[in-house]
Amino acid sequence: LPIVNENDTVAVNELKVGDNDNLAAYVALVAEADTLIICSDIDGL
């Protein structure tokens, strides 16, 4: 099970994606996934 996170230990602002929602979207593109599931603390939009 790959577990991805932004490298907050070394990243500076200009190297940061900034939030893990958009990071997850980039990972979905790299991985050629067919689905992105964002688990939030709210039911949806």
All heavy atoms as atom14 arrays in JSON, in Angstrom:
{
  "sequence": "LPIVNENDTVAVNELKVGDNDNLAAYVALVAEADTLIICSDIDGL",
  "atom14_mask": [
    [1, 1, 1, 1, 1, 1, 1, 1, 0, 0, 0, 0, 0, 0],
    [1, 1, 1, 1, 1, 1, 1, 0, 0, 0, 0, 0, 0, 0],
    [1, 1, 1, 1, 1, 1, 1, 1, 0, 0, 0, 0, 0, 0],
    [1, 1, 1, 1, 1, 1, 1, 0, 0, 0, 0, 0, 0, 0],
    [1, 1, 1, 1, 1, 1, 1, 1, 0, 0, 0, 0, 0, 0],
    [1, 1, 1, 1, 1, 1, 1, 1, 1, 0, 0, 0, 0, 0],
    [1, 1, 1, 1, 1, 1, 1, 1, 0, 0, 0, 0, 0, 0],
    [1, 1, 1, 1, 1, 1, 1, 1, 0, 0, 0, 0, 0, 0],
    [1, 1, 1, 1, 1, 1, 1, 0, 0, 0, 0, 0, 0, 0],
    [1, 1, 1, 1, 1, 1, 1, 0, 0, 0, 0, 0, 0, 0],
    [1, 1, 1, 1, 1, 0, 0, 0, 0, 0, 0, 0, 0, 0],
    [1, 1, 1, 1, 1, 1, 1, 0, 0, 0, 0, 0, 0, 0],
    [1, 1, 1, 1, 1, 1, 1, 1, 0, 0, 0, 0, 0, 0],
    [1, 1, 1, 1, 1, 1, 1, 1, 1, 0, 0, 0, 0, 0],
    [1, 1, 1, 1, 1, 1, 1, 1, 0, 0, 0, 0, 0, 0],
    [1, 1, 1, 1, 1, 1, 1, 1, 1, 0, 0, 0, 0, 0],
    [1, 1, 1, 1, 1, 1, 1, 0, 0, 0, 0, 0, 0, 0],
    [1, 1, 1, 1, 0, 0, 0, 0, 0, 0, 0, 0, 0, 0],
    [1, 1, 1, 1, 1, 1, 1, 1, 0, 0, 0, 0, 0, 0],
    [1, 1, 1, 1, 1, 1, 1, 1, 0, 0, 0, 0, 0, 0],
    [1, 1, 1, 1, 1, 1, 1, 1, 0, 0, 0, 0, 0, 0],
    [1, 1, 1, 1, 1, 1, 1, 1, 0, 0, 0, 0, 0, 0],
    [1, 1, 1, 1, 1, 1, 1, 1, 0, 0, 0, 0, 0, 0],
    [1, 1, 1, 1, 1, 0, 0, 0, 0, 0, 0, 0, 0, 0],
    [1, 1, 1, 1, 1, 0, 0, 0, 0, 0, 0, 0, 0, 0],
    [1, 1, 1, 1, 1, 1, 1, 1, 1, 1, 1, 1, 0, 0],
    [1, 1, 1, 1, 1, 1, 1, 0, 0, 0, 0, 0, 0, 0],
    [1, 1, 1, 1, 1, 0, 0, 0, 0, 0, 0, 0, 0, 0],
    [1, 1, 1, 1, 1, 1, 1, 1, 0, 0, 0, 0, 0, 0],
    [1, 1, 1, 1, 1, 1, 1, 0, 0, 0, 0, 0, 0, 0],
    [1, 1, 1, 1, 1, 0, 0, 0, 0, 0, 0, 0, 0, 0],
    [1, 1, 1, 1, 1, 1, 1, 1, 1, 0, 0, 0, 0, 0],
    [1, 1, 1, 1, 1, 0, 0, 0, 0, 0, 0, 0, 0, 0],
    [1, 1, 1, 1, 1, 1, 1, 1, 0, 0, 0, 0, 0, 0],
    [1, 1, 1, 1, 1, 1, 1, 0, 0, 0, 0, 0, 0, 0],
    [1, 1, 1, 1, 1, 1, 1, 1, 0, 0, 0, 0, 0, 0],
    [1, 1, 1, 1, 1, 1, 1, 1, 0, 0, 0, 0, 0, 0],
    [1, 1, 1, 1, 1, 1, 1, 1, 0, 0, 0, 0, 0, 0],
    [1, 1, 1, 1, 1, 1, 0, 0, 0, 0, 0, 0, 0, 0],
    [1, 1, 1, 1, 1, 1, 0, 0, 0, 0, 0, 0, 0, 0],
    [1, 1, 1, 1, 1, 1, 1, 1, 0, 0, 0, 0, 0, 0],
    [1, 1, 1, 1, 1, 1, 1, 1, 0, 0, 0, 0, 0, 0],
    [1, 1, 1, 1, 1, 1, 1, 1, 0, 0, 0, 0, 0, 0],
    [1, 1, 1, 1, 0, 0, 0, 0, 0, 0, 0, 0, 0, 0],
    [1, 1, 1, 1, 1, 1, 1, 1, 0, 0, 0, 0, 0, 0]
  ],
  "atom14_positions": [
    [[0.85, -1.19, 0.0], [0.0, 0.0, 0.0], [0.88, 1.24, 0.0], [1.51, 1.57, 1.01], [-0.91, 0.02, 1.23], [-1.76, 1.28, 1.41], [-2.8, 1.4, 0.3], [-2.45, 1.29, 2.79], [0.0, 0.0, 0.0], [0.0, 0.0, 0.0], [0.0, 0.0, 0.0], [0.0, 0.0, 0.0], [0.0, 0.0, 0.0], [0.0, 0.0, 0.0]],
    [[0.97, 1.97, -1.12], [1.75, 3.21, -1.12], [1.03, 4.28, -0.28], [-0.16, 4.51, -0.44], [1.78, 3.62, -2.6], [1.36, 2.4, -3.36], [0.43, 1.67, -2.45], [0.0, 0.0, 0.0], [0.0, 0.0, 0.0], [0.0, 0.0, 0.0], [0.0, 0.0, 0.0], [0.0, 0.0, 0.0], [0.0, 0.0, 0.0], [0.0, 0.0, 0.0]],
    [[1.78, 4.92, 0.63], [1.24, 6.01, 1.44], [2.06, 7.26, 1.13], [3.25, 7.33, 1.43], [1.27, 5.69, 2.94], [0.45, 4.41, 3.22], [0.73, 6.85, 3.75], [0.43, 4.0, 4.67], [0.0, 0.0, 0.0], [0.0, 0.0, 0.0], [0.0, 0.0, 0.0], [0.0, 0.0, 0.0], [0.0, 0.0, 0.0], [0.0, 0.0, 0.0]],
    [[1.42, 8.24, 0.5], [2.1, 9.42, -0.02], [1.79, 10.63, 0.88], [0.67, 10.79, 1.36], [1.63, 9.73, -1.46], [2.36, 10.95, -2.03], [1.82, 8.51, -2.37], [0.0, 0.0, 0.0], [0.0, 0.0, 0.0], [0.0, 0.0, 0.0], [0.0, 0.0, 0.0], [0.0, 0.0, 0.0], [0.0, 0.0, 0.0], [0.0, 0.0, 0.0]],
    [[2.8, 11.45, 1.09], [2.6, 12.71, 1.79], [3.56, 13.74, 1.22], [4.56, 13.38, 0.59], [2.83, 12.54, 3.3], [2.35, 13.74, 4.11], [1.68, 14.63, 3.6], [2.71, 13.77, 5.38], [0.0, 0.0, 0.0], [0.0, 0.0, 0.0], [0.0, 0.0, 0.0], [0.0, 0.0, 0.0], [0.0, 0.0, 0.0], [0.0, 0.0, 0.0]],
    [[3.24, 15.01, 1.4], [4.19, 16.05, 1.01], [5.39, 15.98, 1.95], [5.25, 15.7, 3.15], [3.54, 17.43, 1.08], [4.47, 18.55, 0.65], [3.77, 19.6, -0.18], [2.62, 19.93, 0.14], [4.36, 20.11, -1.13], [0.0, 0.0, 0.0], [0.0, 0.0, 0.0], [0.0, 0.0, 0.0], [0.0, 0.0, 0.0], [0.0, 0.0, 0.0]],
    [[6.58, 16.21, 1.41], [7.79, 16.13, 2.22], [7.96, 17.41, 3.03], [8.8, 18.26, 2.73], [9.01, 15.88, 1.33], [10.21, 15.41, 2.12], [10.21, 15.49, 3.35], [11.21, 14.9, 1.44], [0.0, 0.0, 0.0], [0.0, 0.0, 0.0], [0.0, 0.0, 0.0], [0.0, 0.0, 0.0], [0.0, 0.0, 0.0], [0.0, 0.0, 0.0]],
    [[7.16, 17.54, 4.08], [7.16, 18.76, 4.9], [8.46, 18.96, 5.67], [8.75, 20.06, 6.13], [6.0, 18.71, 5.91], [4.65, 18.8, 5.24], [4.49, 19.66, 4.35], [3.75, 18.01, 5.58], [0.0, 0.0, 0.0], [0.0, 0.0, 0.0], [0.0, 0.0, 0.0], [0.0, 0.0, 0.0], [0.0, 0.0, 0.0], [0.0, 0.0, 0.0]],
    [[9.26, 17.91, 5.8], [10.51, 18.03, 6.56], [11.52, 18.9, 5.83], [12.31, 19.61, 6.45], [11.11, 16.63, 6.8], [10.13, 15.83, 7.47], [12.34, 16.7, 7.67], [0.0, 0.0, 0.0], [0.0, 0.0, 0.0], [0.0, 0.0, 0.0], [0.0, 0.0, 0.0], [0.0, 0.0, 0.0], [0.0, 0.0, 0.0], [0.0, 0.0, 0.0]],
    [[11.52, 18.87, 4.5], [12.53, 19.61, 3.74], [11.95, 20.67, 2.81], [12.66, 21.56, 2.36], [13.42, 18.65, 2.9], [14.14, 17.67, 3.82], [12.59, 17.89, 1.87], [0.0, 0.0, 0.0], [0.0, 0.0, 0.0], [0.0, 0.0, 0.0], [0.0, 0.0, 0.0], [0.0, 0.0, 0.0], [0.0, 0.0, 0.0], [0.0, 0.0, 0.0]],
    [[10.66, 20.56, 2.47], [10.07, 21.46, 1.46], [9.99, 22.89, 1.98], [9.61, 23.13, 3.12], [8.69, 20.97, 1.06], [0.0, 0.0, 0.0], [0.0, 0.0, 0.0], [0.0, 0.0, 0.0], [0.0, 0.0, 0.0], [0.0, 0.0, 0.0], [0.0, 0.0, 0.0], [0.0, 0.0, 0.0], [0.0, 0.0, 0.0], [0.0, 0.0, 0.0]],
    [[10.37, 23.82, 1.13], [10.15, 25.24, 1.42], [8.99, 25.69, 0.54], [8.53, 24.98, -0.33], [11.41, 26.07, 1.14], [12.5, 25.73, 2.14], [11.92, 25.84, -0.28], [0.0, 0.0, 0.0], [0.0, 0.0, 0.0], [0.0, 0.0, 0.0], [0.0, 0.0, 0.0], [0.0, 0.0, 0.0], [0.0, 0.0, 0.0], [0.0, 0.0, 0.0]],
    [[8.5, 26.91, 0.8], [7.26, 27.34, 0.16], [7.27, 27.19, -1.35], [6.29, 26.75, -1.96], [6.96, 28.8, 0.52], [6.41, 28.92, 1.95], [5.9, 27.95, 2.48], [6.55, 30.09, 2.54], [0.0, 0.0, 0.0], [0.0, 0.0, 0.0], [0.0, 0.0, 0.0], [0.0, 0.0, 0.0], [0.0, 0.0, 0.0], [0.0, 0.0, 0.0]],
    [[8.39, 27.53, -2.0], [8.4, 27.48, -3.46], [8.42, 26.05, -3.99], [8.23, 25.82, -5.18], [9.58, 28.27, -4.03], [10.95, 27.8, -3.57], [11.44, 28.55, -2.35], [10.59, 29.04, -1.58], [12.66, 28.64, -2.17], [0.0, 0.0, 0.0], [0.0, 0.0, 0.0], [0.0, 0.0, 0.0], [0.0, 0.0, 0.0], [0.0, 0.0, 0.0]],
    [[8.68, 25.07, -3.12], [8.71, 23.67, -3.55], [7.48, 22.9, -3.07], [7.38, 21.7, -3.29], [9.97, 22.97, -3.03], [11.3, 23.42, -3.65], [12.45, 22.61, -3.05], [11.28, 23.26, -5.16], [0.0, 0.0, 0.0], [0.0, 0.0, 0.0], [0.0, 0.0, 0.0], [0.0, 0.0, 0.0], [0.0, 0.0, 0.0], [0.0, 0.0, 0.0]],
    [[6.55, 23.57, -2.41], [5.4, 22.89, -1.85], [4.22, 22.88, -2.82], [3.97, 23.86, -3.52], [4.96, 23.56, -0.54], [5.94, 23.34, 0.61], [5.51, 24.08, 1.85], [4.31, 23.43, 2.53], [4.63, 22.12, 3.1], [0.0, 0.0, 0.0], [0.0, 0.0, 0.0], [0.0, 0.0, 0.0], [0.0, 0.0, 0.0], [0.0, 0.0, 0.0]],
    [[3.51, 21.76, -2.84], [2.22, 21.73, -3.54], [1.26, 22.63, -2.78], [0.46, 23.35, -3.36], [1.67, 20.29, -3.62], [0.27, 20.28, -4.23], [2.61, 19.41, -4.43], [0.0, 0.0, 0.0], [0.0, 0.0, 0.0], [0.0, 0.0, 0.0], [0.0, 0.0, 0.0], [0.0, 0.0, 0.0], [0.0, 0.0, 0.0], [0.0, 0.0, 0.0]],
    [[1.36, 22.58, -1.43], [0.59, 23.51, -0.6], [-0.54, 22.86, 0.16], [-0.85, 23.26, 1.27], [0.0, 0.0, 0.0], [0.0, 0.0, 0.0], [0.0, 0.0, 0.0], [0.0, 0.0, 0.0], [0.0, 0.0, 0.0], [0.0, 0.0, 0.0], [0.0, 0.0, 0.0], [0.0, 0.0, 0.0], [0.0, 0.0, 0.0], [0.0, 0.0, 0.0]],
    [[-1.18, 21.87, -0.43], [-2.24, 21.16, 0.28], [-2.33, 19.76, -0.3], [-1.97, 19.52, -1.45], [-3.59, 21.88, 0.15], [-4.09, 21.88, -1.28], [-4.79, 20.92, -1.66], [-3.76, 22.81, -2.04], [0.0, 0.0, 0.0], [0.0, 0.0, 0.0], [0.0, 0.0, 0.0], [0.0, 0.0, 0.0], [0.0, 0.0, 0.0], [0.0, 0.0, 0.0]],
    [[-2.8, 18.83, 0.51], [-2.79, 17.43, 0.08], [-3.98, 17.06, -0.79], [-4.02, 15.95, -1.33], [-2.68, 16.5, 1.29], [-1.23, 16.29, 1.69], [-0.33, 16.91, 1.13], [-0.99, 15.4, 2.64], [0.0, 0.0, 0.0], [0.0, 0.0, 0.0], [0.0, 0.0, 0.0], [0.0, 0.0, 0.0], [0.0, 0.0, 0.0], [0.0, 0.0, 0.0]],
    [[-4.98, 17.93, -0.92], [-6.04, 17.68, -1.89], [-5.46, 17.73, -3.3], [-5.64, 16.82, -4.11], [-7.18, 18.7, -1.75], [-7.92, 18.55, -0.43], [-8.13, 17.4, 0.01], [-8.29, 19.58, 0.16], [0.0, 0.0, 0.0], [0.0, 0.0, 0.0], [0.0, 0.0, 0.0], [0.0, 0.0, 0.0], [0.0, 0.0, 0.0], [0.0, 0.0, 0.0]],
    [[-4.74, 18.82, -3.59], [-4.12, 18.96, -4.91], [-2.99, 17.96, -5.09], [-2.77, 17.46, -6.2], [-3.64, 20.39, -5.13], [-4.77, 21.33, -5.53], [-5.29, 21.25, -6.63], [-5.19, 22.19, -4.61], [0.0, 0.0, 0.0], [0.0, 0.0, 0.0], [0.0, 0.0, 0.0], [0.0, 0.0, 0.0], [0.0, 0.0, 0.0], [0.0, 0.0, 0.0]],
    [[-2.26, 17.65, -4.02], [-1.23, 16.61, -4.11], [-1.87, 15.29, -4.53], [-1.34, 14.57, -5.38], [-0.51, 16.45, -2.78], [0.51, 15.3, -2.71], [1.68, 15.57, -3.66], [1.02, 15.1, -1.29], [0.0, 0.0, 0.0], [0.0, 0.0, 0.0], [0.0, 0.0, 0.0], [0.0, 0.0, 0.0], [0.0, 0.0, 0.0], [0.0, 0.0, 0.0]],
    [[-3.02, 14.97, -3.93], [-3.72, 13.73, -4.27], [-4.14, 13.7, -5.73], [-4.09, 12.66, -6.4], [-4.94, 13.55, -3.37], [0.0, 0.0, 0.0], [0.0, 0.0, 0.0], [0.0, 0.0, 0.0], [0.0, 0.0, 0.0], [0.0, 0.0, 0.0], [0.0, 0.0, 0.0], [0.0, 0.0, 0.0], [0.0, 0.0, 0.0], [0.0, 0.0, 0.0]],
    [[-4.53, 14.87, -6.26], [-4.9, 14.94, -7.68], [-3.69, 14.65, -8.56], [-3.78, 13.9, -9.54], [-5.48, 16.31, -8.0], [0.0, 0.0, 0.0], [0.0, 0.0, 0.0], [0.0, 0.0, 0.0], [0.0, 0.0, 0.0], [0.0, 0.0, 0.0], [0.0, 0.0, 0.0], [0.0, 0.0, 0.0], [0.0, 0.0, 0.0], [0.0, 0.0, 0.0]],
    [[-2.54, 15.23, -8.2], [-1.32, 14.96, -8.97], [-0.93, 13.48, -8.89], [-0.52, 12.88, -9.89], [-0.16, 15.82, -8.45], [-0.25, 17.28, -8.82], [-0.23, 18.27, -7.84], [-0.34, 17.68, -10.16], [-0.3, 19.61, -8.19], [-0.42, 19.02, -10.5], [-0.4, 19.98, -9.51], [-0.47, 21.31, -9.86], [0.0, 0.0, 0.0], [0.0, 0.0, 0.0]],
    [[-1.08, 12.89, -7.71], [-0.76, 11.47, -7.55], [-1.69, 10.62, -8.41], [-1.26, 9.64, -9.03], [-0.84, 11.05, -6.07], [-0.71, 9.54, -5.92], [0.25, 11.74, -5.26], [0.0, 0.0, 0.0], [0.0, 0.0, 0.0], [0.0, 0.0, 0.0], [0.0, 0.0, 0.0], [0.0, 0.0, 0.0], [0.0, 0.0, 0.0], [0.0, 0.0, 0.0]],
    [[-2.97, 10.99, -8.46], [-3.92, 10.26, -9.3], [-3.52, 10.31, -10.76], [-3.63, 9.33, -11.5], [-5.33, 10.81, -9.11], [0.0, 0.0, 0.0], [0.0, 0.0, 0.0], [0.0, 0.0, 0.0], [0.0, 0.0, 0.0], [0.0, 0.0, 0.0], [0.0, 0.0, 0.0], [0.0, 0.0, 0.0], [0.0, 0.0, 0.0], [0.0, 0.0, 0.0]],
    [[-3.01, 11.47, -11.2], [-2.56, 11.62, -12.58], [-1.3, 10.79, -12.83], [-1.21, 10.09, -13.84], [-2.29, 13.1, -12.88], [-3.51, 14.02, -12.9], [-3.08, 15.48, -12.91], [-4.39, 13.73, -14.1], [0.0, 0.0, 0.0], [0.0, 0.0, 0.0], [0.0, 0.0, 0.0], [0.0, 0.0, 0.0], [0.0, 0.0, 0.0], [0.0, 0.0, 0.0]],
    [[-0.33, 10.87, -11.91], [0.9, 10.1, -12.07], [0.61, 8.6, -12.09], [1.16, 7.86, -12.92], [1.9, 10.41, -10.93], [3.14, 9.52, -11.05], [2.31, 11.85, -10.93], [0.0, 0.0, 0.0], [0.0, 0.0, 0.0], [0.0, 0.0, 0.0], [0.0, 0.0, 0.0], [0.0, 0.0, 0.0], [0.0, 0.0, 0.0], [0.0, 0.0, 0.0]],
    [[-0.25, 8.17, -11.19], [-0.54, 6.74, -11.03], [-1.51, 6.21, -12.08], [-1.77, 5.02, -12.14], [-1.12, 6.47, -9.64], [0.0, 0.0, 0.0], [0.0, 0.0, 0.0], [0.0, 0.0, 0.0], [0.0, 0.0, 0.0], [0.0, 0.0, 0.0], [0.0, 0.0, 0.0], [0.0, 0.0, 0.0], [0.0, 0.0, 0.0], [0.0, 0.0, 0.0]],
    [[-2.05, 7.12, -12.91], [-3.06, 6.75, -13.91], [-4.24, 6.02, -13.24], [-4.73, 5.01, -13.71], [-2.43, 5.9, -15.02], [-1.4, 6.68, -15.81], [-0.68, 5.85, -16.86], [-0.73, 4.61, -16.79], [-0.07, 6.45, -17.75], [0.0, 0.0, 0.0], [0.0, 0.0, 0.0], [0.0, 0.0, 0.0], [0.0, 0.0, 0.0], [0.0, 0.0, 0.0]],
    [[-4.66, 6.59, -12.11], [-5.83, 6.08, -11.41], [-7.09, 6.46, -12.18], [-7.07, 7.4, -12.98], [-5.89, 6.66, -9.99], [0.0, 0.0, 0.0], [0.0, 0.0, 0.0], [0.0, 0.0, 0.0], [0.0, 0.0, 0.0], [0.0, 0.0, 0.0], [0.0, 0.0, 0.0], [0.0, 0.0, 0.0], [0.0, 0.0, 0.0], [0.0, 0.0, 0.0]],
    [[-8.17, 5.73, -11.96], [-9.45, 6.11, -12.58], [-10.34, 6.87, -11.6], [-11.37, 7.41, -11.99], [-10.18, 4.89, -13.15], [-10.36, 3.77, -12.12], [-10.96, 4.03, -11.07], [-9.89, 2.65, -12.38], [0.0, 0.0, 0.0], [0.0, 0.0, 0.0], [0.0, 0.0, 0.0], [0.0, 0.0, 0.0], [0.0, 0.0, 0.0], [0.0, 0.0, 0.0]],
    [[-9.92, 6.9, -10.32], [-10.77, 7.51, -9.29], [-9.92, 8.19, -8.22], [-8.88, 7.68, -7.82], [-11.65, 6.43, -8.61], [-12.43, 5.76, -9.6], [-12.58, 7.04, -7.57], [0.0, 0.0, 0.0], [0.0, 0.0, 0.0], [0.0, 0.0, 0.0], [0.0, 0.0, 0.0], [0.0, 0.0, 0.0], [0.0, 0.0, 0.0], [0.0, 0.0, 0.0]],
    [[-10.39, 9.36, -7.77], [-9.85, 10.03, -6.59], [-10.96, 10.11, -5.56], [-12.05, 10.6, -5.86], [-9.35, 11.43, -6.94], [-8.98, 12.35, -5.76], [-7.83, 11.77, -4.96], [-8.64, 13.76, -6.25], [0.0, 0.0, 0.0], [0.0, 0.0, 0.0], [0.0, 0.0, 0.0], [0.0, 0.0, 0.0], [0.0, 0.0, 0.0], [0.0, 0.0, 0.0]],
    [[-10.68, 9.61, -4.35], [-11.66, 9.66, -3.26], [-11.08, 10.54, -2.16], [-10.05, 10.21, -1.56], [-11.96, 8.25, -2.7], [-12.53, 7.35, -3.8], [-12.94, 8.34, -1.52], [-12.67, 5.89, -3.4], [0.0, 0.0, 0.0], [0.0, 0.0, 0.0], [0.0, 0.0, 0.0], [0.0, 0.0, 0.0], [0.0, 0.0, 0.0], [0.0, 0.0, 0.0]],
    [[-11.71, 11.68, -1.91], [-11.26, 12.61, -0.88], [-12.11, 12.41, 0.37], [-13.32, 12.68, 0.36], [-11.36, 14.07, -1.37], [-10.49, 14.28, -2.62], [-10.94, 15.03, -0.26], [-10.61, 15.67, -3.22], [0.0, 0.0, 0.0], [0.0, 0.0, 0.0], [0.0, 0.0, 0.0], [0.0, 0.0, 0.0], [0.0, 0.0, 0.0], [0.0, 0.0, 0.0]],
    [[-11.48, 11.92, 1.43], [-12.17, 11.73, 2.7], [-12.07, 13.02, 3.51], [-10.97, 13.43, 3.9], [-11.56, 10.56, 3.48], [-11.78, 8.96, 2.69], [0.0, 0.0, 0.0], [0.0, 0.0, 0.0], [0.0, 0.0, 0.0], [0.0, 0.0, 0.0], [0.0, 0.0, 0.0], [0.0, 0.0, 0.0], [0.0, 0.0, 0.0], [0.0, 0.0, 0.0]],
    [[-13.21, 13.63, 3.75], [-13.26, 14.92, 4.44], [-13.94, 14.75, 5.79], [-14.23, 13.64, 6.23], [-14.02, 15.91, 3.55], [-14.1, 17.18, 4.16], [0.0, 0.0, 0.0], [0.0, 0.0, 0.0], [0.0, 0.0, 0.0], [0.0, 0.0, 0.0], [0.0, 0.0, 0.0], [0.0, 0.0, 0.0], [0.0, 0.0, 0.0], [0.0, 0.0, 0.0]],
    [[-14.18, 15.88, 6.46], [-14.95, 15.86, 7.71], [-16.36, 16.39, 7.47], [-17.04, 16.82, 8.39], [-14.24, 16.65, 8.81], [-13.92, 18.09, 8.38], [-14.32, 18.48, 7.26], [-13.29, 18.82, 9.16], [0.0, 0.0, 0.0], [0.0, 0.0, 0.0], [0.0, 0.0, 0.0], [0.0, 0.0, 0.0], [0.0, 0.0, 0.0], [0.0, 0.0, 0.0]],
    [[-16.77, 16.36, 6.2], [-18.1, 16.81, 5.8], [-18.61, 15.85, 4.72], [-17.82, 15.17, 4.07], [-18.03, 18.27, 5.29], [-19.4, 18.89, 5.2], [-17.29, 18.35, 3.98], [-19.35, 20.39, 4.94], [0.0, 0.0, 0.0], [0.0, 0.0, 0.0], [0.0, 0.0, 0.0], [0.0, 0.0, 0.0], [0.0, 0.0, 0.0], [0.0, 0.0, 0.0]],
    [[-19.93, 15.77, 4.55], [-20.51, 14.74, 3.68], [-20.21, 14.93, 2.2], [-20.3, 13.98, 1.42], [-22.04, 14.7, 3.87], [-22.43, 14.17, 5.24], [-21.58, 13.54, 5.89], [-23.58, 14.4, 5.66], [0.0, 0.0, 0.0], [0.0, 0.0, 0.0], [0.0, 0.0, 0.0], [0.0, 0.0, 0.0], [0.0, 0.0, 0.0], [0.0, 0.0, 0.0]],
    [[-19.89, 16.15, 1.78], [-19.64, 16.42, 0.37], [-19.82, 17.89, 0.09], [-19.68, 18.73, 0.99], [0.0, 0.0, 0.0], [0.0, 0.0, 0.0], [0.0, 0.0, 0.0], [0.0, 0.0, 0.0], [0.0, 0.0, 0.0], [0.0, 0.0, 0.0], [0.0, 0.0, 0.0], [0.0, 0.0, 0.0], [0.0, 0.0, 0.0], [0.0, 0.0, 0.0]],
    [[-20.14, 18.22, -1.16], [-20.38, 19.6, -1.55], [-21.87, 19.92, -1.37], [-22.72, 19.17, -1.84], [-19.96, 19.82, -3.0], [-20.14, 21.24, -3.55], [-19.19, 22.22, -2.86], [-19.9, 21.25, -5.07], [0.0, 0.0, 0.0], [0.0, 0.0, 0.0], [0.0, 0.0, 0.0], [0.0, 0.0, 0.0], [0.0, 0.0, 0.0], [0.0, 0.0, 0.0]]
  ]
}
